[in-house]
Amino acid sequence: MKNSITTKISSLLLLLFLSTASFAQNPTEVPDDEDPAPAPINDYIVPMLLAGVVLGYTFMKGKAKKA
């Protein structure tokens, strides 16, 4: 029971801290540069896909052993 409560509290705190980052900038300030440089997402697509496949395989393999 205690583990469930600590998990809920820690996830709530994580979401709270992640959502406060959206309020970091003052909305009344207008930036000088209207179009900022795009993020370099293309560099990380292949490694993240591989990591997702590996994690998905390990999680499914672990659930198959438990069942």
Protein backbone atom coordinates (compact mmCIF):
# COMPACT_ATOMS: atom_id res chain seq x y z
CA MET A 1 0.00 0.00 0.00
CA LYS A 2 2.80 2.40 0.87
CA ASN A 3 4.53 1.74 -2.43
CA SER A 4 1.39 2.72 -4.33
CA ILE A 5 1.09 5.98 -2.42
CA THR A 6 4.73 6.91 -2.98
CA THR A 7 4.37 6.12 -6.66
CA LYS A 8 1.32 8.35 -6.95
CA ILE A 9 2.98 11.19 -5.06
CA SER A 10 6.20 10.97 -7.06
CA SER A 11 4.30 10.94 -10.36
CA LEU A 12 2.23 13.92 -9.22
CA LEU A 13 5.38 15.84 -8.33
CA LEU A 14 6.98 14.95 -11.65
CA LEU A 15 3.96 16.24 -13.57
CA LEU A 16 3.89 19.37 -11.42
CA PHE A 17 7.53 20.18 -12.12
CA LEU A 18 7.17 19.43 -15.83
CA SER A 19 4.12 21.64 -16.17
CA THR A 20 5.75 24.60 -14.42
CA ALA A 21 8.36 24.76 -17.20
CA SER A 22 5.64 25.99 -19.55
CA PHE A 23 5.21 29.10 -17.41
CA ALA A 24 8.91 29.97 -17.45
CA GLN A 25 8.59 32.72 -20.06
CA ASN A 26 6.63 35.90 -19.69
CA PRO A 27 3.83 35.83 -22.33
CA THR A 28 3.77 39.63 -22.62
CA GLU A 29 7.34 39.79 -23.93
CA VAL A 30 7.51 39.53 -27.70
CA PRO A 31 10.71 37.91 -28.98
CA ASP A 32 12.73 39.74 -31.61
CA ASP A 33 13.14 36.62 -33.71
CA GLU A 34 9.72 35.39 -34.83
CA ASP A 35 10.96 32.10 -36.33
CA PRO A 36 13.50 30.39 -34.07
CA ALA A 37 15.82 27.75 -35.42
CA PRO A 38 14.20 24.29 -35.46
CA ALA A 39 15.39 21.62 -33.06
CA PRO A 40 17.72 18.94 -34.44
CA ILE A 41 15.26 16.07 -34.02
CA ASN A 42 16.47 14.17 -37.09
CA ASP A 43 19.74 13.26 -35.34
CA TYR A 44 17.93 11.22 -32.70
CA ILE A 45 15.14 9.45 -34.61
CA VAL A 46 16.98 6.20 -35.34
CA PRO A 47 18.54 5.74 -31.85
CA MET A 48 15.20 6.46 -30.16
CA LEU A 49 13.37 4.00 -32.41
CA LEU A 50 15.95 1.33 -31.62
CA ALA A 51 15.71 2.08 -27.90
CA GLY A 52 11.91 1.85 -28.09
CA VAL A 53 12.02 -1.49 -29.86
CA VAL A 54 14.54 -2.90 -27.37
CA LEU A 55 12.55 -1.65 -24.37
CA GLY A 56 9.30 -2.95 -25.80
CA TYR A 57 10.86 -6.36 -26.43
CA THR A 58 12.30 -6.59 -22.91
CA PHE A 59 9.02 -5.54 -21.29
CA MET A 60 6.99 -8.02 -23.35
CA LYS A 61 9.53 -10.75 -22.66
CA GLY A 62 9.32 -10.03 -18.93
CA LYS A 63 5.52 -10.15 -18.94
CA ALA A 64 5.56 -13.46 -20.83
CA LYS A 65 7.80 -14.99 -18.13
CA LYS A 66 5.46 -13.82 -15.34
CA ALA A 67 2.34 -15.24 -17.02
